[in-house]
Amino acid sequence: MLYHINRATMKPTAAREQIEAALESWREQGRSNPAVKSFIVGRDHGGDYEYSAVFVVEDLDGLFAYLTHPTTYQTDHLGLNLVERLEIFDVSDDDDPELDAKIQELHRRRNELAPEVAGMLADVPAYSGSGVND
């Protein structure tokens, strides 16, 4: 199993309605993407971020299906410009020592398929985690 985790803090200029629309878009990703086995979207407690979303997928194929699903791209277009700080990472019970490289490759492929999204991620003032190009 893979737990794909997004943690975000919004820009002070983001309107409440914009934030709610972005959170609802995250929820729609979980509801509409068949690769997502379960998900949660809400306030981030105990950390330095305002909101988090966790999407559970079965394997690398499921992660790529999640990353390239139309609702994921929709959320990117709707919300990335609102984000001040963003951290994206994955947690897994898979012992494969190459898993991190495989996950990074999926993000590289996604960025290749959607260079505009890679550009939006690059414009986030503070971004770390999966898919960061060195």
Protein backbone atom coordinates (compact mmCIF):
# COMPACT_ATOMS: atom_id res chain seq x y z
CA MET A 1 0.00 0.00 0.00
CA LEU A 2 1.04 3.58 -0.65
CA TYR A 3 -0.17 6.58 1.29
CA HIS A 4 0.25 9.70 -0.84
CA ILE A 5 0.32 12.71 1.47
CA ASN A 6 -0.11 16.37 0.57
CA ARG A 7 0.39 19.08 3.22
CA ALA A 8 -0.35 22.72 2.38
CA THR A 9 -0.46 26.18 3.88
CA MET A 10 -2.32 28.75 1.85
CA LYS A 11 -1.15 32.23 0.92
CA PRO A 12 -2.59 35.01 3.10
CA THR A 13 -4.22 36.41 -0.06
CA ALA A 14 -6.23 33.22 -0.71
CA ALA A 15 -9.93 33.89 -0.18
CA ARG A 16 -11.93 31.53 2.04
CA GLU A 17 -14.10 30.54 -0.95
CA GLN A 18 -10.99 29.66 -2.99
CA ILE A 19 -9.61 27.53 -0.17
CA GLU A 20 -12.92 25.70 0.26
CA ALA A 21 -13.07 25.05 -3.49
CA ALA A 22 -9.53 23.61 -3.43
CA LEU A 23 -10.35 21.36 -0.46
CA GLU A 24 -13.51 20.16 -2.18
CA SER A 25 -11.47 19.45 -5.30
CA TRP A 26 -9.14 17.26 -3.21
CA ARG A 27 -12.20 15.42 -1.91
CA GLU A 28 -13.46 14.93 -5.45
CA GLN A 29 -10.13 13.32 -6.33
CA GLY A 30 -10.75 10.72 -3.64
CA ARG A 31 -14.38 10.14 -4.60
CA SER A 32 -13.94 9.89 -8.35
CA ASN A 33 -10.60 8.17 -8.90
CA PRO A 34 -10.94 4.37 -8.95
CA ALA A 35 -7.27 3.97 -7.97
CA VAL A 36 -7.93 5.64 -4.61
CA LYS A 37 -8.92 3.03 -2.02
CA SER A 38 -9.52 5.55 0.77
CA PHE A 39 -8.76 9.18 1.50
CA ILE A 40 -9.05 11.96 4.05
CA VAL A 41 -8.94 15.72 3.55
CA GLY A 42 -8.92 18.21 6.39
CA ARG A 43 -7.08 20.40 8.84
CA ASP A 44 -3.48 19.44 9.61
CA HIS A 45 -3.01 19.03 13.36
CA GLY A 46 0.30 18.92 15.16
CA GLY A 47 2.38 20.24 12.28
CA ASP A 48 3.35 23.43 10.52
CA TYR A 49 0.73 23.16 7.78
CA GLU A 50 -2.92 24.21 7.62
CA TYR A 51 -4.41 21.40 5.51
CA SER A 52 -3.57 17.86 4.47
CA ALA A 53 -4.90 15.21 2.16
CA VAL A 54 -3.99 11.53 2.26
CA PHE A 55 -4.83 9.23 -0.64
CA VAL A 56 -4.36 5.48 -0.28
CA VAL A 57 -3.52 3.45 -3.40
CA GLU A 58 -2.53 -0.20 -3.70
CA ASP A 59 0.71 0.04 -5.68
CA LEU A 60 2.82 2.06 -8.09
CA ASP A 61 0.31 1.59 -10.91
CA GLY A 62 -2.36 3.02 -8.60
CA LEU A 63 -0.13 5.95 -7.69
CA PHE A 64 0.46 6.79 -11.35
CA ALA A 65 -3.28 6.48 -12.05
CA TYR A 66 -3.88 8.90 -9.17
CA LEU A 67 -1.18 11.33 -10.33
CA THR A 68 -2.49 11.46 -13.90
CA HIS A 69 -6.23 11.37 -13.23
CA PRO A 70 -8.18 14.38 -14.59
CA THR A 71 -9.36 15.36 -11.10
CA THR A 72 -5.76 15.52 -9.86
CA TYR A 73 -4.88 17.89 -12.70
CA GLN A 74 -8.06 19.87 -11.97
CA THR A 75 -6.99 20.33 -8.35
CA ASP A 76 -3.51 21.39 -9.47
CA HIS A 77 -4.96 24.07 -11.74
CA LEU A 78 -7.41 25.23 -9.09
CA GLY A 79 -5.21 25.22 -6.02
CA LEU A 80 -1.48 25.44 -6.70
CA ASN A 81 -1.59 29.20 -7.18
CA LEU A 82 -3.17 29.52 -3.69
CA VAL A 83 -0.42 27.60 -1.89
CA GLU A 84 2.36 29.28 0.06
CA ARG A 85 3.95 26.05 1.35
CA LEU A 86 3.50 22.53 0.02
CA GLU A 87 5.00 19.20 0.97
CA ILE A 88 4.20 16.00 -0.91
CA PHE A 89 5.50 12.60 0.15
CA ASP A 90 4.59 8.93 0.21
CA VAL A 91 4.57 6.31 2.97
CA SER A 92 4.56 2.60 2.17
CA ASP A 93 4.82 -0.82 3.75
CA ASP A 94 6.67 -2.07 0.64
CA ASP A 95 10.25 -3.18 1.48
CA ASP A 96 11.56 -2.61 -2.06
CA PRO A 97 14.84 -0.67 -1.64
CA GLU A 98 14.21 0.94 -5.05
CA LEU A 99 10.72 2.18 -4.16
CA ASP A 100 11.76 5.82 -3.68
CA ALA A 101 13.44 5.90 -7.10
CA LYS A 102 10.36 4.29 -8.67
CA ILE A 103 8.07 6.87 -7.05
CA GLN A 104 10.31 9.70 -8.23
CA GLU A 105 10.22 8.25 -11.74
CA LEU A 106 6.41 8.32 -11.70
CA HIS A 107 6.50 11.99 -10.75
CA ARG A 108 9.09 12.68 -13.47
CA ARG A 109 6.83 10.97 -16.04
CA ARG A 110 3.84 12.97 -14.79
CA ASN A 111 5.80 16.21 -15.09
CA GLU A 112 6.79 15.22 -18.61
CA LEU A 113 3.13 14.56 -19.50
CA ALA A 114 1.96 17.83 -17.90
CA PRO A 115 4.77 20.40 -18.04
CA GLU A 116 2.36 23.19 -17.09
CA VAL A 117 1.77 21.45 -13.74
CA ALA A 118 5.52 21.09 -13.21
CA GLY A 119 5.76 24.84 -13.83
CA MET A 120 2.99 25.57 -11.32
CA LEU A 121 4.77 23.43 -8.73
CA ALA A 122 7.99 25.33 -9.40
CA ASP A 123 6.09 28.57 -8.70
CA VAL A 124 5.00 27.44 -5.21
CA PRO A 125 7.13 29.60 -2.88
CA ALA A 126 8.10 26.68 -0.60
CA TYR A 127 7.74 23.19 -2.10
CA SER A 128 9.41 19.98 -1.04
CA GLY A 129 8.93 16.32 -1.60
CA SER A 130 8.06 13.97 -4.43
CA GLY A 131 8.57 15.22 -7.93
CA VAL A 132 11.11 17.90 -7.13
CA ASN A 133 13.56 18.11 -9.99
CA ASP A 134 17.18 18.43 -8.98
